[in-house]
Amino acid sequence: MAEKRARLDQPRVERRGPRFRYDAEAFGKITERIARFLGTGRYLVFQSAVVVLWIIWNAAAPKSLQFDPWNPTRFIFLTLVLSLQASYAAPLILLAQNRQDDRDRVNLDSDREEARESKADLEYLAREIAAIRMALGEVATRDFLRSELSRAEAARDSRDREDAVDR
C-alpha cells in the first residue's frame, strides 16, 4: 500500500504512450506452450514441409501464381518470413526459460528449507539418542544384576558354611 502513495521526496514521472494491461501469468503460459512446440520434431517437420512446398511452388508455378515473384533462386520473401519467425521465436524461448528459472529458484529455495528442517530434526534426534545412552549408562543392566546376584548368593553360601562350621 505504501508504494502506491505519492512520495514527496521524488519527482513524479510522467508516463507517455498507451498503457497496456495484460495478465503476465497467462502470457507466460502461452509463451511456454509456443516454446515447447518450437522444440518438437513435429514443428521441425512442419517447417521443413512448408519451406520445401514454398520452394517447389515458386520454382514450378507460373510467374502469375508465384507469391515470391522475384528470382526464385533467391527466395527473398521466404528469407523474410523465416527471419521474422526466428525474431519472434528467440524472445519467446527466452521468456519460457526465464519462467523455468524462476520455478527452479523457488523449488531450490524450498528444497534448501526442507534440508535445513531435516538437518535440525536429525540433530535433535541425535541429541535425544545421546541423552538416552547417557541415562542407560547409569541404569543397571541385566548382566550387571546377574553378576551382583551371583556374588550375593556366593557370599551368603560362604556365610552359611562358616555358620555351619562354627556350630
C-alpha atoms as a PDB file:
ATOM      1  CA  MET A   1       0.000   0.000   0.000  1.00  0.00           C
ATOM      2  CA  ALA A   2       2.806   2.433   0.844  1.00  0.00           C
ATOM      3  CA  GLU A   3       4.284   2.072  -2.651  1.00  0.00           C
ATOM      4  CA  LYS A   4       1.066   3.339  -4.239  1.00  0.00           C
ATOM      5  CA  ARG A   5       1.151   6.655  -2.385  1.00  0.00           C
ATOM      6  CA  ALA A   6       2.848   9.650  -3.943  1.00  0.00           C
ATOM      7  CA  ARG A   7       6.255  10.362  -2.492  1.00  0.00           C
ATOM      8  CA  LEU A   8       7.194  13.951  -1.948  1.00  0.00           C
ATOM      9  CA  ASP A   9      10.946  13.320  -1.959  1.00  0.00           C
ATOM     10  CA  GLN A  10      10.991  12.019  -5.544  1.00  0.00           C
ATOM     11  CA  PRO A  11       9.972  13.697  -8.765  1.00  0.00           C
ATOM     12  CA  ARG A  12       6.865  12.426 -10.437  1.00  0.00           C
ATOM     13  CA  VAL A  13       7.497  10.511 -13.636  1.00  0.00           C
ATOM     14  CA  GLU A  14       5.032  11.173 -16.392  1.00  0.00           C
ATOM     15  CA  ARG A  15       4.339   8.101 -18.499  1.00  0.00           C
ATOM     16  CA  ARG A  16       3.715   8.688 -22.142  1.00  0.00           C
ATOM     17  CA  GLY A  17       2.105   6.446 -24.633  1.00  0.00           C
ATOM     18  CA  PRO A  18      -0.598   3.852 -24.263  1.00  0.00           C
ATOM     19  CA  ARG A  19      -0.706   1.735 -21.145  1.00  0.00           C
ATOM     20  CA  PHE A  20      -1.231  -1.883 -21.974  1.00  0.00           C
ATOM     21  CA  ARG A  21      -2.517  -4.118 -19.253  1.00  0.00           C
ATOM     22  CA  TYR A  22      -2.152  -7.839 -19.623  1.00  0.00           C
ATOM     23  CA  ASP A  23      -2.066 -10.895 -17.418  1.00  0.00           C
ATOM     24  CA  ALA A  24       1.616 -11.759 -17.136  1.00  0.00           C
ATOM     25  CA  GLU A  25       0.852 -15.305 -15.969  1.00  0.00           C
ATOM     26  CA  ALA A  26      -1.425 -16.047 -18.912  1.00  0.00           C
ATOM     27  CA  PHE A  27       1.087 -14.513 -21.319  1.00  0.00           C
ATOM     28  CA  GLY A  28       3.860 -16.610 -19.754  1.00  0.00           C
ATOM     29  CA  LYS A  29       1.832 -19.795 -20.131  1.00  0.00           C
ATOM     30  CA  ILE A  30       1.198 -19.033 -23.792  1.00  0.00           C
ATOM     31  CA  THR A  31       4.902 -18.359 -24.425  1.00  0.00           C
ATOM     32  CA  GLU A  32       5.810 -21.635 -22.736  1.00  0.00           C
ATOM     33  CA  ARG A  33       3.388 -23.546 -24.934  1.00  0.00           C
ATOM     34  CA  ILE A  34       4.810 -21.921 -28.055  1.00  0.00           C
ATOM     35  CA  ALA A  35       8.401 -22.536 -26.917  1.00  0.00           C
ATOM     36  CA  ARG A  36       7.590 -26.178 -26.168  1.00  0.00           C
ATOM     37  CA  PHE A  37       6.061 -26.564 -29.629  1.00  0.00           C
ATOM     38  CA  LEU A  38       9.081 -24.903 -31.277  1.00  0.00           C
ATOM     39  CA  GLY A  39      11.300 -27.507 -29.671  1.00  0.00           C
ATOM     40  CA  THR A  40       9.478 -30.540 -31.040  1.00  0.00           C
ATOM     41  CA  GLY A  41      10.162 -32.730 -34.017  1.00  0.00           C
ATOM     42  CA  ARG A  42       6.622 -32.071 -35.228  1.00  0.00           C
ATOM     43  CA  TYR A  43       7.434 -28.373 -35.617  1.00  0.00           C
ATOM     44  CA  LEU A  44      10.671 -29.131 -37.486  1.00  0.00           C
ATOM     45  CA  VAL A  45       8.829 -31.441 -39.881  1.00  0.00           C
ATOM     46  CA  PHE A  46       6.058 -28.858 -40.355  1.00  0.00           C
ATOM     47  CA  GLN A  47       8.516 -26.018 -41.011  1.00  0.00           C
ATOM     48  CA  SER A  48      10.601 -28.159 -43.371  1.00  0.00           C
ATOM     49  CA  ALA A  49       7.472 -29.148 -45.304  1.00  0.00           C
ATOM     50  CA  VAL A  50       6.419 -25.504 -45.622  1.00  0.00           C
ATOM     51  CA  VAL A  51       9.866 -24.491 -46.890  1.00  0.00           C
ATOM     52  CA  VAL A  52      10.003 -27.359 -49.396  1.00  0.00           C
ATOM     53  CA  LEU A  53       6.469 -26.606 -50.658  1.00  0.00           C
ATOM     54  CA  TRP A  54       7.361 -22.900 -50.866  1.00  0.00           C
ATOM     55  CA  ILE A  55      10.451 -23.635 -52.956  1.00  0.00           C
ATOM     56  CA  ILE A  56       8.639 -26.113 -55.217  1.00  0.00           C
ATOM     57  CA  TRP A  57       5.685 -23.763 -55.737  1.00  0.00           C
ATOM     58  CA  ASN A  58       7.816 -20.715 -56.539  1.00  0.00           C
ATOM     59  CA  ALA A  59      10.152 -22.684 -58.781  1.00  0.00           C
ATOM     60  CA  ALA A  60       7.487 -24.613 -60.737  1.00  0.00           C
ATOM     61  CA  ALA A  61       4.394 -22.400 -60.726  1.00  0.00           C
ATOM     62  CA  PRO A  62       3.731 -19.882 -63.494  1.00  0.00           C
ATOM     63  CA  LYS A  63       5.020 -16.379 -62.783  1.00  0.00           C
ATOM     64  CA  SER A  64       1.498 -15.051 -62.238  1.00  0.00           C
ATOM     65  CA  LEU A  65       0.856 -17.564 -59.383  1.00  0.00           C
ATOM     66  CA  GLN A  66       4.182 -17.182 -57.591  1.00  0.00           C
ATOM     67  CA  PHE A  67       3.903 -15.322 -54.290  1.00  0.00           C
ATOM     68  CA  ASP A  68       7.676 -14.866 -54.047  1.00  0.00           C
ATOM     69  CA  PRO A  69       7.849 -13.274 -57.509  1.00  0.00           C
ATOM     70  CA  TRP A  70      11.466 -12.197 -57.517  1.00  0.00           C
ATOM     71  CA  ASN A  71      14.127 -14.513 -58.785  1.00  0.00           C
ATOM     72  CA  PRO A  72      13.020 -17.939 -57.435  1.00  0.00           C
ATOM     73  CA  THR A  73      16.593 -18.993 -56.720  1.00  0.00           C
ATOM     74  CA  ARG A  74      16.939 -16.230 -54.118  1.00  0.00           C
ATOM     75  CA  PHE A  75      13.595 -16.638 -52.291  1.00  0.00           C
ATOM     76  CA  ILE A  76      13.666 -13.189 -50.717  1.00  0.00           C
ATOM     77  CA  PHE A  77      10.171 -13.425 -49.234  1.00  0.00           C
ATOM     78  CA  LEU A  78      10.933 -16.876 -47.770  1.00  0.00           C
ATOM     79  CA  THR A  79      14.057 -15.456 -46.154  1.00  0.00           C
ATOM     80  CA  LEU A  80      11.991 -12.601 -44.727  1.00  0.00           C
ATOM     81  CA  VAL A  81       9.351 -14.980 -43.331  1.00  0.00           C
ATOM     82  CA  LEU A  82      11.960 -17.252 -41.741  1.00  0.00           C
ATOM     83  CA  SER A  83      13.781 -14.247 -40.254  1.00  0.00           C
ATOM     84  CA  LEU A  84      10.533 -12.932 -38.823  1.00  0.00           C
ATOM     85  CA  GLN A  85       9.737 -16.347 -37.350  1.00  0.00           C
ATOM     86  CA  ALA A  86      13.203 -16.525 -35.778  1.00  0.00           C
ATOM     87  CA  SER A  87      12.938 -12.989 -34.403  1.00  0.00           C
ATOM     88  CA  TYR A  88       9.771 -13.976 -32.535  1.00  0.00           C
ATOM     89  CA  ALA A  89      10.889 -17.470 -31.568  1.00  0.00           C
ATOM     90  CA  ALA A  90      14.058 -16.369 -29.776  1.00  0.00           C
ATOM     91  CA  PRO A  91      12.370 -13.998 -27.265  1.00  0.00           C
ATOM     92  CA  LEU A  92       9.551 -16.483 -26.671  1.00  0.00           C
ATOM     93  CA  ILE A  93      12.065 -19.193 -25.860  1.00  0.00           C
ATOM     94  CA  LEU A  94      13.956 -16.809 -23.564  1.00  0.00           C
ATOM     95  CA  LEU A  95      10.734 -15.866 -21.768  1.00  0.00           C
ATOM     96  CA  ALA A  96       9.926 -19.537 -21.248  1.00  0.00           C
ATOM     97  CA  GLN A  97      13.453 -20.174 -19.936  1.00  0.00           C
ATOM     98  CA  ASN A  98      13.166 -17.246 -17.527  1.00  0.00           C
ATOM     99  CA  ARG A  99       9.892 -18.617 -16.181  1.00  0.00           C
ATOM    100  CA  GLN A 100      11.504 -22.037 -15.772  1.00  0.00           C
ATOM    101  CA  ASP A 101      14.451 -20.420 -13.967  1.00  0.00           C
ATOM    102  CA  ASP A 102      12.014 -18.708 -11.601  1.00  0.00           C
ATOM    103  CA  ARG A 103      10.277 -22.024 -10.885  1.00  0.00           C
ATOM    104  CA  ASP A 104      13.627 -23.738 -10.376  1.00  0.00           C
ATOM    105  CA  ARG A 105      14.701 -20.982  -7.973  1.00  0.00           C
ATOM    106  CA  VAL A 106      11.519 -21.373  -5.920  1.00  0.00           C
ATOM    107  CA  ASN A 107      11.944 -25.167  -5.873  1.00  0.00           C
ATOM    108  CA  LEU A 108      15.594 -24.802  -4.860  1.00  0.00           C
ATOM    109  CA  ASP A 109      14.650 -22.457  -2.016  1.00  0.00           C
ATOM    110  CA  SER A 110      12.014 -24.877  -0.767  1.00  0.00           C
ATOM    111  CA  ASP A 111      14.473 -27.780  -1.059  1.00  0.00           C
ATOM    112  CA  ARG A 112      17.033 -25.828   0.967  1.00  0.00           C
ATOM    113  CA  GLU A 113      14.440 -25.028   3.621  1.00  0.00           C
ATOM    114  CA  GLU A 114      13.395 -28.687   3.759  1.00  0.00           C
ATOM    115  CA  ALA A 115      17.046 -29.730   4.063  1.00  0.00           C
ATOM    116  CA  ARG A 116      17.541 -27.255   6.940  1.00  0.00           C
ATOM    117  CA  GLU A 117      14.497 -28.640   8.717  1.00  0.00           C
ATOM    118  CA  SER A 118      15.653 -32.219   8.152  1.00  0.00           C
ATOM    119  CA  LYS A 119      19.093 -31.371   9.498  1.00  0.00           C
ATOM    120  CA  ALA A 120      17.579 -29.733  12.581  1.00  0.00           C
ATOM    121  CA  ASP A 121      15.373 -32.803  13.148  1.00  0.00           C
ATOM    122  CA  LEU A 122      18.359 -35.095  12.726  1.00  0.00           C
ATOM    123  CA  GLU A 123      20.431 -33.089  15.206  1.00  0.00           C
ATOM    124  CA  TYR A 124      17.562 -33.164  17.704  1.00  0.00           C
ATOM    125  CA  LEU A 125      17.218 -36.935  17.353  1.00  0.00           C
ATOM    126  CA  ALA A 126      20.990 -37.372  17.737  1.00  0.00           C
ATOM    127  CA  ARG A 127      20.895 -35.357  20.976  1.00  0.00           C
ATOM    128  CA  GLU A 128      17.962 -37.430  22.229  1.00  0.00           C
ATOM    129  CA  ILE A 129      19.759 -40.698  21.458  1.00  0.00           C
ATOM    130  CA  ALA A 130      22.879 -39.408  23.220  1.00  0.00           C
ATOM    131  CA  ALA A 131      20.771 -38.473  26.265  1.00  0.00           C
ATOM    132  CA  ILE A 132      19.185 -41.947  26.283  1.00  0.00           C
ATOM    133  CA  ARG A 133      22.616 -43.582  26.079  1.00  0.00           C
ATOM    134  CA  MET A 134      23.876 -41.483  28.967  1.00  0.00           C
ATOM    135  CA  ALA A 135      20.791 -42.350  31.020  1.00  0.00           C
ATOM    136  CA  LEU A 136      21.227 -46.058  30.215  1.00  0.00           C
ATOM    137  CA  GLY A 137      24.837 -45.843  31.362  1.00  0.00           C
ATOM    138  CA  GLU A 138      23.503 -45.086  34.846  1.00  0.00           C
ATOM    139  CA  VAL A 139      20.876 -47.864  34.766  1.00  0.00           C
ATOM    140  CA  ALA A 140      21.740 -51.353  35.888  1.00  0.00           C
ATOM    141  CA  THR A 141      21.832 -53.802  33.020  1.00  0.00           C
ATOM    142  CA  ARG A 142      20.698 -57.413  33.071  1.00  0.00           C
ATOM    143  CA  ASP A 143      24.295 -58.722  33.121  1.00  0.00           C
ATOM    144  CA  PHE A 144      25.207 -56.400  35.966  1.00  0.00           C
ATOM    145  CA  LEU A 145      22.219 -57.568  38.016  1.00  0.00           C
ATOM    146  CA  ARG A 146      23.057 -61.235  37.388  1.00  0.00           C
ATOM    147  CA  SER A 147      26.646 -60.743  38.449  1.00  0.00           C
ATOM    148  CA  GLU A 148      25.546 -58.906  41.612  1.00  0.00           C
ATOM    149  CA  LEU A 149      23.029 -61.639  42.441  1.00  0.00           C
ATOM    150  CA  SER A 150      25.672 -64.322  41.851  1.00  0.00           C
ATOM    151  CA  ARG A 151      28.125 -62.517  44.119  1.00  0.00           C
ATOM    152  CA  ALA A 152      25.464 -62.014  46.812  1.00  0.00           C
ATOM    153  CA  GLU A 153      24.494 -65.697  46.576  1.00  0.00           C
ATOM    154  CA  ALA A 154      28.140 -66.760  46.832  1.00  0.00           C
ATOM    155  CA  ALA A 155      28.624 -64.508  49.860  1.00  0.00           C
ATOM    156  CA  ARG A 156      25.507 -65.956  51.527  1.00  0.00           C
ATOM    157  CA  ASP A 157      26.669 -69.522  50.832  1.00  0.00           C
ATOM    158  CA  SER A 158      30.082 -68.783  52.337  1.00  0.00           C
ATOM    159  CA  ARG A 159      28.438 -67.268  55.459  1.00  0.00           C
ATOM    160  CA  ASP A 160      26.157 -70.276  55.748  1.00  0.00           C
ATOM    161  CA  ARG A 161      29.203 -72.578  55.589  1.00  0.00           C
ATOM    162  CA  GLU A 162      31.006 -70.507  58.192  1.00  0.00           C
ATOM    163  CA  ASP A 163      27.974 -70.604  60.456  1.00  0.00           C
ATOM    164  CA  ALA A 164      27.721 -74.380  59.955  1.00  0.00           C
ATOM    165  CA  VAL A 165      31.383 -74.819  60.920  1.00  0.00           C
ATOM    166  CA  ASP A 166      31.003 -72.622  63.986  1.00  0.00           C
ATOM    167  CA  ARG A 167      28.171 -74.707  65.347  1.00  0.00           C
END
